[in-house]
Amino acid sequence: MNSEELKNLIESARETKGISQRELAKLTGISRSTLNDLINGKIKKVDIDDLRKIAETLDMSLQELVKVAGYDEISLYFHAHKNKDRYADKSTKDLKRLLDEYKTS
């Protein structure tokens, strides 16, 4: 996981939205301490559902967050398909279901 890049992505998007970390925690339902630990690289394997909540709240790419958070195999799976736009019309809920299926396989 590239914790510095993850921090930069989240903080940049948060600042662009004009919301504080406290507000982000409230909007995502992630505790402030967990969000702070995630942003500061204290969590080594970030929960995919937390990434989904952050992506939805900050209008970010879930795929990009997943990749930076260290789920490279999943990111490669997205890119390996001939039709890269295959996931373009998928909601984050659909992507989470796909990620959950991938984790259990």
PDB file of N, CA and C in Angstrom:
ATOM      1  N   MET A   1       0.846  -1.184   0.000  1.00  0.00           N
ATOM      2  CA  MET A   1       0.000   0.000   0.000  1.00  0.00           C
ATOM      3  C   MET A   1       0.886   1.239   0.000  1.00  0.00           C
ATOM      4  N   ASN A   2       0.522   2.199  -0.805  1.00  0.00           N
ATOM      5  CA  ASN A   2       1.230   3.472  -0.824  1.00  0.00           C
ATOM      6  C   ASN A   2       0.424   4.454   0.035  1.00  0.00           C
ATOM      7  N   SER A   3       0.713   4.467   1.333  1.00  0.00           N
ATOM      8  CA  SER A   3      -0.082   5.262   2.268  1.00  0.00           C
ATOM      9  C   SER A   3       0.013   6.760   1.995  1.00  0.00           C
ATOM     10  N   GLU A   4       1.165   7.227   1.538  1.00  0.00           N
ATOM     11  CA  GLU A   4       1.306   8.657   1.241  1.00  0.00           C
ATOM     12  C   GLU A   4       0.433   9.056   0.045  1.00  0.00           C
ATOM     13  N   GLU A   5       0.413   8.210  -0.973  1.00  0.00           N
ATOM     14  CA  GLU A   5      -0.420   8.492  -2.152  1.00  0.00           C
ATOM     15  C   GLU A   5      -1.902   8.416  -1.793  1.00  0.00           C
ATOM     16  N   LEU A   6      -2.264   7.429  -0.969  1.00  0.00           N
ATOM     17  CA  LEU A   6      -3.660   7.308  -0.536  1.00  0.00           C
ATOM     18  C   LEU A   6      -4.068   8.553   0.245  1.00  0.00           C
ATOM     19  N   LYS A   7      -3.196   8.989   1.148  1.00  0.00           N
ATOM     20  CA  LYS A   7      -3.463  10.200   1.932  1.00  0.00           C
ATOM     21  C   LYS A   7      -3.650  11.397   1.004  1.00  0.00           C
ATOM     22  N   ASN A   8      -2.751  11.553   0.045  1.00  0.00           N
ATOM     23  CA  ASN A   8      -2.838  12.690  -0.874  1.00  0.00           C
ATOM     24  C   ASN A   8      -4.124  12.668  -1.696  1.00  0.00           C
ATOM     25  N   LEU A   9      -4.505  11.492  -2.174  1.00  0.00           N
ATOM     26  CA  LEU A   9      -5.737  11.374  -2.958  1.00  0.00           C
ATOM     27  C   LEU A   9      -6.964  11.772  -2.144  1.00  0.00           C
ATOM     28  N   ILE A  10      -7.055  11.207  -0.948  1.00  0.00           N
ATOM     29  CA  ILE A  10      -8.224  11.469  -0.105  1.00  0.00           C
ATOM     30  C   ILE A  10      -8.251  12.919   0.359  1.00  0.00           C
ATOM     31  N   GLU A  11      -7.111  13.415   0.823  1.00  0.00           N
ATOM     32  CA  GLU A  11      -7.062  14.790   1.326  1.00  0.00           C
ATOM     33  C   GLU A  11      -7.339  15.806   0.218  1.00  0.00           C
ATOM     34  N   SER A  12      -6.817  15.567  -0.955  1.00  0.00           N
ATOM     35  CA  SER A  12      -7.049  16.469  -2.083  1.00  0.00           C
ATOM     36  C   SER A  12      -8.536  16.505  -2.443  1.00  0.00           C
ATOM     37  N   ALA A  13      -9.148  15.334  -2.532  1.00  0.00           N
ATOM     38  CA  ALA A  13     -10.575  15.265  -2.864  1.00  0.00           C
ATOM     39  C   ALA A  13     -11.420  15.887  -1.757  1.00  0.00           C
ATOM     40  N   ARG A  14     -11.017  15.656  -0.516  1.00  0.00           N
ATOM     41  CA  ARG A  14     -11.753  16.219   0.619  1.00  0.00           C
ATOM     42  C   ARG A  14     -11.693  17.741   0.603  1.00  0.00           C
ATOM     43  N   GLU A  15     -10.504  18.268   0.355  1.00  0.00           N
ATOM     44  CA  GLU A  15     -10.336  19.721   0.300  1.00  0.00           C
ATOM     45  C   GLU A  15     -11.085  20.324  -0.880  1.00  0.00           C
ATOM     46  N   THR A  16     -11.093  19.624  -2.004  1.00  0.00           N
ATOM     47  CA  THR A  16     -11.832  20.091  -3.180  1.00  0.00           C
ATOM     48  C   THR A  16     -13.324  20.189  -2.861  1.00  0.00           C
ATOM     49  N   LYS A  17     -13.830  19.228  -2.096  1.00  0.00           N
ATOM     50  CA  LYS A  17     -15.235  19.228  -1.690  1.00  0.00           C
ATOM     51  C   LYS A  17     -15.512  20.255  -0.598  1.00  0.00           C
ATOM     52  N   GLY A  18     -14.443  20.736   0.043  1.00  0.00           N
ATOM     53  CA  GLY A  18     -14.604  21.734   1.094  1.00  0.00           C
ATOM     54  C   GLY A  18     -15.174  21.183   2.385  1.00  0.00           C
ATOM     55  N   ILE A  19     -14.802  19.932   2.704  1.00  0.00           N
ATOM     56  CA  ILE A  19     -15.289  19.356   3.952  1.00  0.00           C
ATOM     57  C   ILE A  19     -14.107  18.952   4.833  1.00  0.00           C
ATOM     58  N   SER A  20     -14.346  18.959   6.123  1.00  0.00           N
ATOM     59  CA  SER A  20     -13.304  18.591   7.082  1.00  0.00           C
ATOM     60  C   SER A  20     -13.238  17.069   7.215  1.00  0.00           C
ATOM     61  N   GLN A  21     -12.172  16.583   7.859  1.00  0.00           N
ATOM     62  CA  GLN A  21     -12.083  15.156   8.136  1.00  0.00           C
ATOM     63  C   GLN A  21     -13.247  14.716   9.017  1.00  0.00           C
ATOM     64  N   ARG A  22     -13.613  15.572   9.945  1.00  0.00           N
ATOM     65  CA  ARG A  22     -14.739  15.262  10.839  1.00  0.00           C
ATOM     66  C   ARG A  22     -16.023  15.078  10.034  1.00  0.00           C
ATOM     67  N   GLU A  23     -16.262  15.989   9.085  1.00  0.00           N
ATOM     68  CA  GLU A  23     -17.451  15.879   8.237  1.00  0.00           C
ATOM     69  C   GLU A  23     -17.397  14.627   7.364  1.00  0.00           C
ATOM     70  N   LEU A  24     -16.217  14.324   6.838  1.00  0.00           N
ATOM     71  CA  LEU A  24     -16.056  13.135   6.007  1.00  0.00           C
ATOM     72  C   LEU A  24     -16.376  11.883   6.818  1.00  0.00           C
ATOM     73  N   ALA A  25     -15.897  11.841   8.048  1.00  0.00           N
ATOM     74  CA  ALA A  25     -16.188  10.702   8.916  1.00  0.00           C
ATOM     75  C   ALA A  25     -17.695  10.569   9.125  1.00  0.00           C
ATOM     76  N   LYS A  26     -18.352  11.675   9.385  1.00  0.00           N
ATOM     77  CA  LYS A  26     -19.795  11.654   9.621  1.00  0.00           C
ATOM     78  C   LYS A  26     -20.551  11.209   8.364  1.00  0.00           C
ATOM     79  N   LEU A  27     -20.174  11.747   7.214  1.00  0.00           N
ATOM     80  CA  LEU A  27     -20.855  11.420   5.963  1.00  0.00           C
ATOM     81  C   LEU A  27     -20.646   9.967   5.523  1.00  0.00           C
ATOM     82  N   THR A  28     -19.495   9.411   5.834  1.00  0.00           N
ATOM     83  CA  THR A  28     -19.196   8.042   5.429  1.00  0.00           C
ATOM     84  C   THR A  28     -19.623   7.009   6.453  1.00  0.00           C
ATOM     85  N   GLY A  29     -19.802   7.445   7.704  1.00  0.00           N
ATOM     86  CA  GLY A  29     -20.123   6.502   8.763  1.00  0.00           C
ATOM     87  C   GLY A  29     -18.887   5.780   9.289  1.00  0.00           C
ATOM     88  N   ILE A  30     -17.715   6.274   8.916  1.00  0.00           N
ATOM     89  CA  ILE A  30     -16.453   5.729   9.406  1.00  0.00           C
ATOM     90  C   ILE A  30     -16.063   6.552  10.627  1.00  0.00           C
ATOM     91  N   SER A  31     -15.644   5.898  11.694  1.00  0.00           N
ATOM     92  CA  SER A  31     -15.284   6.653  12.894  1.00  0.00           C
ATOM     93  C   SER A  31     -14.126   7.603  12.577  1.00  0.00           C
ATOM     94  N   ARG A  32     -14.083   8.703  13.316  1.00  0.00           N
ATOM     95  CA  ARG A  32     -13.020   9.690  13.094  1.00  0.00           C
ATOM     96  C   ARG A  32     -11.646   9.084  13.308  1.00  0.00           C
ATOM     97  N   SER A  33     -11.514   8.255  14.327  1.00  0.00           N
ATOM     98  CA  SER A  33     -10.204   7.665  14.605  1.00  0.00           C
ATOM     99  C   SER A  33      -9.797   6.698  13.503  1.00  0.00           C
ATOM    100  N   THR A  34     -10.728   5.908  12.992  1.00  0.00           N
ATOM    101  CA  THR A  34     -10.420   4.983  11.904  1.00  0.00           C
ATOM    102  C   THR A  34     -10.055   5.752  10.643  1.00  0.00           C
ATOM    103  N   LEU A  35     -10.821   6.793  10.345  1.00  0.00           N
ATOM    104  CA  LEU A  35     -10.527   7.606   9.160  1.00  0.00           C
ATOM    105  C   LEU A  35      -9.157   8.262   9.289  1.00  0.00           C
ATOM    106  N   ASN A  36      -8.857   8.788  10.451  1.00  0.00           N
ATOM    107  CA  ASN A  36      -7.557   9.413  10.685  1.00  0.00           C
ATOM    108  C   ASN A  36      -6.430   8.392  10.532  1.00  0.00           C
ATOM    109  N   ASP A  37      -6.614   7.209  11.091  1.00  0.00           N
ATOM    110  CA  ASP A  37      -5.607   6.155  10.960  1.00  0.00           C
ATOM    111  C   ASP A  37      -5.436   5.731   9.505  1.00  0.00           C
ATOM    112  N   LEU A  38      -6.533   5.635   8.782  1.00  0.00           N
ATOM    113  CA  LEU A  38      -6.485   5.275   7.365  1.00  0.00           C
ATOM    114  C   LEU A  38      -5.702   6.320   6.577  1.00  0.00           C
ATOM    115  N   ILE A  39      -6.026   7.582   6.791  1.00  0.00           N
ATOM    116  CA  ILE A  39      -5.369   8.673   6.070  1.00  0.00           C
ATOM    117  C   ILE A  39      -3.891   8.770   6.423  1.00  0.00           C
ATOM    118  N   ASN A  40      -3.551   8.474   7.660  1.00  0.00           N
ATOM    119  CA  ASN A  40      -2.165   8.594   8.102  1.00  0.00           C
ATOM    120  C   ASN A  40      -1.356   7.303   7.983  1.00  0.00           C
ATOM    121  N   GLY A  41      -1.905   6.320   7.279  1.00  0.00           N
ATOM    122  CA  GLY A  41      -1.158   5.100   6.981  1.00  0.00           C
ATOM    123  C   GLY A  41      -0.980   4.142   8.135  1.00  0.00           C
ATOM    124  N   LYS A  42      -1.791   4.278   9.168  1.00  0.00           N
ATOM    125  CA  LYS A  42      -1.664   3.390  10.326  1.00  0.00           C
ATOM    126  C   LYS A  42      -2.431   2.079  10.134  1.00  0.00           C
ATOM    127  N   ILE A  43      -3.268   2.038   9.136  1.00  0.00           N
ATOM    128  CA  ILE A  43      -4.004   0.812   8.812  1.00  0.00           C
ATOM    129  C   ILE A  43      -3.338   0.209   7.588  1.00  0.00           C
ATOM    130  N   LYS A  44      -2.826  -0.995   7.741  1.00  0.00           N
ATOM    131  CA  LYS A  44      -2.045  -1.611   6.667  1.00  0.00           C
ATOM    132  C   LYS A  44      -2.907  -2.213   5.571  1.00  0.00           C
ATOM    133  N   LYS A  45      -4.069  -2.753   5.909  1.00  0.00           N
ATOM    134  CA  LYS A  45      -4.967  -3.319   4.905  1.00  0.00           C
ATOM    135  C   LYS A  45      -6.329  -2.670   5.092  1.00  0.00           C
ATOM    136  N   VAL A  46      -6.584  -1.664   4.273  1.00  0.00           N
ATOM    137  CA  VAL A  46      -7.796  -0.854   4.382  1.00  0.00           C
ATOM    138  C   VAL A  46      -9.012  -1.670   3.946  1.00  0.00           C
ATOM    139  N   ASP A  47     -10.092  -1.541   4.686  1.00  0.00           N
ATOM    140  CA  ASP A  47     -11.332  -2.210   4.350  1.00  0.00           C
ATOM    141  C   ASP A  47     -11.889  -1.651   3.038  1.00  0.00           C
ATOM    142  N   ILE A  48     -12.223  -2.526   2.121  1.00  0.00           N
ATOM    143  CA  ILE A  48     -12.728  -2.099   0.807  1.00  0.00           C
ATOM    144  C   ILE A  48     -14.031  -1.330   0.953  1.00  0.00           C
ATOM    145  N   ASP A  49     -14.863  -1.708   1.915  1.00  0.00           N
ATOM    146  CA  ASP A  49     -16.121  -0.996   2.111  1.00  0.00           C
ATOM    147  C   ASP A  49     -15.865   0.444   2.550  1.00  0.00           C
ATOM    148  N   ASP A  50     -14.828   0.656   3.378  1.00  0.00           N
ATOM    149  CA  ASP A  50     -14.470   2.026   3.764  1.00  0.00           C
ATOM    150  C   ASP A  50     -14.012   2.818   2.542  1.00  0.00           C
ATOM    151  N   LEU A  51     -13.246   2.184   1.667  1.00  0.00           N
ATOM    152  CA  LEU A  51     -12.818   2.859   0.440  1.00  0.00           C
ATOM    153  C   LEU A  51     -14.005   3.226  -0.430  1.00  0.00           C
ATOM    154  N   ARG A  52     -14.984   2.316  -0.497  1.00  0.00           N
ATOM    155  CA  ARG A  52     -16.196   2.586  -1.285  1.00  0.00           C
ATOM    156  C   ARG A  52     -16.946   3.796  -0.727  1.00  0.00           C
ATOM    157  N   LYS A  53     -17.089   3.848   0.593  1.00  0.00           N
ATOM    158  CA  LYS A  53     -17.788   4.965   1.227  1.00  0.00           C
ATOM    159  C   LYS A  53     -17.077   6.282   0.950  1.00  0.00           C
ATOM    160  N   ILE A  54     -15.763   6.266   1.035  1.00  0.00           N
ATOM    161  CA  ILE A  54     -14.970   7.473   0.772  1.00  0.00           C
ATOM    162  C   ILE A  54     -15.111   7.873  -0.690  1.00  0.00           C
ATOM    163  N   ALA A  55     -15.004   6.903  -1.586  1.00  0.00           N
ATOM    164  CA  ALA A  55     -15.121   7.189  -3.023  1.00  0.00           C
ATOM    165  C   ALA A  55     -16.476   7.799  -3.350  1.00  0.00           C
ATOM    166  N   GLU A  56     -17.534   7.232  -2.803  1.00  0.00           N
ATOM    167  CA  GLU A  56     -18.875   7.754  -3.070  1.00  0.00           C
ATOM    168  C   GLU A  56     -19.042   9.163  -2.512  1.00  0.00           C
ATOM    169  N   THR A  57     -18.584   9.378  -1.301  1.00  0.00           N
ATOM    170  CA  THR A  57     -18.761  10.669  -0.638  1.00  0.00           C
ATOM    171  C   THR A  57     -17.961  11.772  -1.327  1.00  0.00           C
ATOM    172  N   LEU A  58     -16.754  11.437  -1.777  1.00  0.00           N
ATOM    173  CA  LEU A  58     -15.874  12.446  -2.368  1.00  0.00           C
ATOM    174  C   LEU A  58     -15.884  12.428  -3.900  1.00  0.00           C
ATOM    175  N   ASP A  59     -16.796  11.636  -4.485  1.00  0.00           N
ATOM    176  CA  ASP A  59     -16.881  11.515  -5.945  1.00  0.00           C
ATOM    177  C   ASP A  59     -15.536  11.141  -6.553  1.00  0.00           C
ATOM    178  N   MET A  60     -14.945  10.105  -5.983  1.00  0.00           N
ATOM    179  CA  MET A  60     -13.640   9.634  -6.435  1.00  0.00           C
ATOM    180  C   MET A  60     -13.784   8.306  -7.156  1.00  0.00           C
ATOM    181  N   SER A  61     -12.724   7.902  -7.814  1.00  0.00           N
ATOM    182  CA  SER A  61     -12.681   6.607  -8.469  1.00  0.00           C
ATOM    183  C   SER A  61     -12.389   5.527  -7.430  1.00  0.00           C
ATOM    184  N   LEU A  62     -13.329   4.610  -7.255  1.00  0.00           N
ATOM    185  CA  LEU A  62     -13.093   3.495  -6.343  1.00  0.00           C
ATOM    186  C   LEU A  62     -11.929   2.660  -6.839  1.00  0.00           C
ATOM    187  N   GLN A  63     -11.842   2.482  -8.128  1.00  0.00           N
ATOM    188  CA  GLN A  63     -10.763   1.684  -8.708  1.00  0.00           C
ATOM    189  C   GLN A  63      -9.399   2.262  -8.349  1.00  0.00           C
ATOM    190  N   GLU A  64      -9.270   3.582  -8.421  1.00  0.00           N
ATOM    191  CA  GLU A  64      -7.993   4.220  -8.095  1.00  0.00           C
ATOM    192  C   GLU A  64      -7.655   4.036  -6.610  1.00  0.00           C
ATOM    193  N   LEU A  65      -8.652   4.221  -5.740  1.00  0.00           N
ATOM    194  CA  LEU A  65      -8.418   4.044  -4.306  1.00  0.00           C
ATOM    195  C   LEU A  65      -8.034   2.603  -3.989  1.00  0.00           C
ATOM    196  N   VAL A  66      -8.710   1.655  -4.619  1.00  0.00           N
ATOM    197  CA  VAL A  66      -8.426   0.239  -4.399  1.00  0.00           C
ATOM    198  C   VAL A  66      -6.985  -0.077  -4.795  1.00  0.00           C
ATOM    199  N   LYS A  67      -6.560   0.462  -5.917  1.00  0.00           N
ATOM    200  CA  LYS A  67      -5.199   0.209  -6.399  1.00  0.00           C
ATOM    201  C   LYS A  67      -4.168   0.794  -5.435  1.00  0.00           C
ATOM    202  N   VAL A  68      -4.358   2.049  -5.045  1.00  0.00           N
ATOM    203  CA  VAL A  68      -3.406   2.713  -4.153  1.00  0.00           C
ATOM    204  C   VAL A  68      -3.392   2.052  -2.779  1.00  0.00           C
ATOM    205  N   ALA A  69      -4.530   1.497  -2.370  1.00  0.00           N
ATOM    206  CA  ALA A  69      -4.622   0.852  -1.060  1.00  0.00           C
ATOM    207  C   ALA A  69      -3.953  -0.519  -1.041  1.00  0.00           C
ATOM    208  N   GLY A  70      -3.432  -0.951  -2.178  1.00  0.00           N
ATOM    209  CA  GLY A  70      -2.675  -2.191  -2.183  1.00  0.00           C
ATOM    210  C   GLY A  70      -3.397  -3.392  -2.736  1.00  0.00           C
ATOM    211  N   TYR A  71      -4.547  -3.179  -3.292  1.00  0.00           N
ATOM    212  CA  TYR A  71      -5.275  -4.285  -3.904  1.00  0.00           C
ATOM    213  C   TYR A  71      -4.927  -4.347  -5.384  1.00  0.00           C
ATOM    214  N   ASP A  72      -3.636  -4.471  -5.683  1.00  0.00           N
ATOM    215  CA  ASP A  72      -3.163  -4.439  -7.066  1.00  0.00           C
ATOM    216  C   ASP A  72      -3.749  -5.544  -7.919  1.00  0.00           C
ATOM    217  N   GLU A  73      -3.943  -6.721  -7.340  1.00  0.00           N
ATOM    218  CA  GLU A  73      -4.477  -7.825  -8.129  1.00  0.00           C
ATOM    219  C   GLU A  73      -5.846  -7.473  -8.678  1.00  0.00           C
ATOM    220  N   ILE A  74      -6.659  -6.818  -7.869  1.00  0.00           N
ATOM    221  CA  ILE A  74      -7.998  -6.434  -8.301  1.00  0.00           C
ATOM    222  C   ILE A  74      -7.899  -5.373  -9.383  1.00  0.00           C
ATOM    223  N   SER A  75      -7.022  -4.409  -9.188  1.00  0.00           N
ATOM    224  CA  SER A  75      -6.845  -3.359 -10.190  1.00  0.00           C
ATOM    225  C   SER A  75      -6.395  -3.954 -11.510  1.00  0.00           C
ATOM    226  N   LEU A  76      -5.472  -4.904 -11.446  1.00  0.00           N
ATOM    227  CA  LEU A  76      -5.016  -5.564 -12.665  1.00  0.00           C
ATOM    228  C   LEU A  76      -6.158  -6.323 -13.313  1.00  0.00           C
ATOM    229  N   TYR A  77      -7.041  -6.896 -12.514  1.00  0.00           N
ATOM    230  CA  TYR A  77      -8.199  -7.607 -13.034  1.00  0.00           C
ATOM    231  C   TYR A  77      -9.075  -6.663 -13.839  1.00  0.00           C
ATOM    232  N   PHE A  78      -9.278  -5.447 -13.330  1.00  0.00           N
ATOM    233  CA  PHE A  78     -10.083  -4.465 -14.049  1.00  0.00           C
ATOM    234  C   PHE A  78      -9.461  -4.141 -15.400  1.00  0.00           C
ATOM    235  N   HIS A  79      -8.135  -3.993 -15.436  1.00  0.00           N
ATOM    236  CA  HIS A  79      -7.439  -3.593 -16.658  1.00  0.00           C
ATOM    237  C   HIS A  79      -7.183  -4.747 -17.619  1.00  0.00           C
ATOM    238  N   ALA A  80      -7.236  -5.963 -17.135  1.00  0.00           N
ATOM    239  CA  ALA A  80      -6.877  -7.107 -17.961  1.00  0.00           C
ATOM    240  C   ALA A  80      -7.927  -7.430 -19.024  1.00  0.00           C
ATOM    241  N   HIS A  81      -9.111  -6.985 -18.814  1.00  0.00           N
ATOM    242  CA  HIS A  81     -10.172  -7.302 -19.765  1.00  0.00           C
ATOM    243  C   HIS A  81     -10.012  -6.493 -21.053  1.00  0.00           C
ATOM    244  N   LYS A  82     -10.347  -7.121 -22.136  1.00  0.00           N
ATOM    245  CA  LYS A  82     -10.223  -6.463 -23.442  1.00  0.00           C
ATOM    246  C   LYS A  82     -11.047  -5.189 -23.488  1.00  0.00           C
ATOM    247  N   ASN A  83     -12.221  -5.245 -22.942  1.00  0.00           N
ATOM    248  CA  ASN A  83     -13.101  -4.079 -22.931  1.00  0.00           C
ATOM    249  C   ASN A  83     -12.947  -3.370 -21.593  1.00  0.00           C
ATOM    250  N   LYS A  84     -12.061  -2.405 -21.526  1.00  0.00           N
ATOM    251  CA  LYS A  84     -11.780  -1.710 -20.259  1.00  0.00           C
ATOM    252  C   LYS A  84     -12.990  -0.953 -19.746  1.00  0.00           C
ATOM    253  N   ASP A  85     -13.912  -0.610 -20.636  1.00  0.00           N
ATOM    254  CA  ASP A  85     -15.103   0.134 -20.222  1.00  0.00           C
ATOM    255  C   ASP A  85     -16.175  -0.790 -19.642  1.00  0.00           C
ATOM    256  N   ARG A  86     -15.852  -2.043 -19.504  1.00  0.00           N
ATOM    257  CA  ARG A  86     -16.808  -3.024 -18.990  1.00  0.00           C
ATOM    258  C   ARG A  86     -17.362  -2.600 -17.629  1.00  0.00           C
ATOM    259  N   TYR A  87     -16.564  -1.905 -16.835  1.00  0.00           N
ATOM    260  CA  TYR A  87     -16.978  -1.510 -15.497  1.00  0.00           C
ATOM    261  C   TYR A  87     -17.401  -0.046 -15.411  1.00  0.00           C
ATOM    262  N   ALA A  88     -17.366   0.649 -16.517  1.00  0.00           N
ATOM    263  CA  ALA A  88     -17.674   2.078 -16.510  1.00  0.00           C
ATOM    264  C   ALA A  88     -19.104   2.355 -16.076  1.00  0.00           C
ATOM    265  N   ASP A  89     -20.024   1.465 -16.410  1.00  0.00           N
ATOM    266  CA  ASP A  89     -21.425   1.701 -16.065  1.00  0.00           C
ATOM    267  C   ASP A  89     -21.826   1.030 -14.761  1.00  0.00           C
ATOM    268  N   LYS A  90     -20.857   0.464 -14.055  1.00  0.00           N
ATOM    269  CA  LYS A  90     -21.150  -0.213 -12.790  1.00  0.00           C
ATOM    270  C   LYS A  90     -21.165   0.795 -11.649  1.00  0.00           C
ATOM    271  N   SER A  91     -22.128   0.624 -10.766  1.00  0.00           N
ATOM    272  CA  SER A  91     -22.170   1.468  -9.580  1.00  0.00           C
ATOM    273  C   SER A  91     -21.125   0.963  -8.592  1.00  0.00           C
ATOM    274  N   THR A  92     -20.850   1.763  -7.583  1.00  0.00           N
ATOM    275  CA  THR A  92     -19.892   1.321  -6.578  1.00  0.00           C
ATOM    276  C   THR A  92     -20.437   0.109  -5.826  1.00  0.00           C
ATOM    277  N   LYS A  93     -21.762   0.006  -5.733  1.00  0.00           N
ATOM    278  CA  LYS A  93     -22.370  -1.168  -5.099  1.00  0.00           C
ATOM    279  C   LYS A  93     -22.055  -2.416  -5.925  1.00  0.00           C
ATOM    280  N   ASP A  94     -22.176  -2.308  -7.252  1.00  0.00           N
ATOM    281  CA  ASP A  94     -21.840  -3.429  -8.131  1.00  0.00           C
ATOM    282  C   ASP A  94     -20.358  -3.775  -8.023  1.00  0.00           C
ATOM    283  N   LEU A  95     -19.511  -2.750  -7.996  1.00  0.00           N
ATOM    284  CA  LEU A  95     -18.073  -2.992  -7.886  1.00  0.00           C
ATOM    285  C   LEU A  95     -17.734  -3.645  -6.552  1.00  0.00           C
ATOM    286  N   LYS A  96     -18.395  -3.228  -5.478  1.00  0.00           N
ATOM    287  CA  LYS A  96     -18.148  -3.846  -4.177  1.00  0.00           C
ATOM    288  C   LYS A  96     -18.531  -5.313  -4.216  1.00  0.00           C
ATOM    289  N   ARG A  97     -19.668  -5.631  -4.842  1.00  0.00           N
ATOM    290  CA  ARG A  97     -20.081  -7.022  -4.953  1.00  0.00           C
ATOM    291  C   ARG A  97     -19.035  -7.827  -5.723  1.00  0.00           C
ATOM    292  N   LEU A  98     -18.523  -7.265  -6.812  1.00  0.00           N
ATOM    293  CA  LEU A  98     -17.488  -7.936  -7.582  1.00  0.00           C
ATOM    294  C   LEU A  98     -16.216  -8.138  -6.754  1.00  0.00           C
ATOM    295  N   LEU A  99     -15.846  -7.122  -5.983  1.00  0.00           N
ATOM    296  CA  LEU A  99     -14.665  -7.237  -5.130  1.00  0.00           C
ATOM    297  C   LEU A  99     -14.865  -8.306  -4.050  1.00  0.00           C
ATOM    298  N   ASP A 100     -16.061  -8.349  -3.480  1.00  0.00           N
ATOM    299  CA  ASP A 100     -16.353  -9.359  -2.462  1.00  0.00           C
ATOM    300  C   ASP A 100     -16.277 -10.767  -3.076  1.00  0.00           C
ATOM    301  N   GLU A 101     -16.805 -10.907  -4.288  1.00  0.00           N
ATOM    302  CA  GLU A 101     -16.730 -12.196  -4.974  1.00  0.00           C
ATOM    303  C   GLU A 101     -15.275 -12.574  -5.238  1.00  0.00           C
ATOM    304  N   TYR A 102     -14.483 -11.583  -5.619  1.00  0.00           N
ATOM    305  CA  TYR A 102     -13.077 -11.828  -5.893  1.00  0.00           C
ATOM    306  C   TYR A 102     -12.356 -12.282  -4.623  1.00  0.00           C
ATOM    307  N   LYS A 103     -12.647 -11.617  -3.496  1.00  0.00           N
ATOM    308  CA  LYS A 103     -11.998 -11.957  -2.233  1.00  0.00           C
ATOM    309  C   LYS A 103     -12.324 -13.378  -1.786  1.00  0.00           C
ATOM    310  N   THR A 104     -13.551 -13.822  -2.055  1.00  0.00           N
ATOM    311  CA  THR A 104     -13.938 -15.164  -1.610  1.00  0.00           C
ATOM    312  C   THR A 104     -13.491 -16.256  -2.577  1.00  0.00           C
ATOM    313  N   SER A 105     -13.066 -15.861  -3.766  1.00  0.00           N
ATOM    314  CA  SER A 105     -12.626 -16.881  -4.736  1.00  0.00           C
ATOM    315  C   SER A 105     -11.186 -17.291  -4.530  1.00  0.00           C
TER     316      SER A 105
END
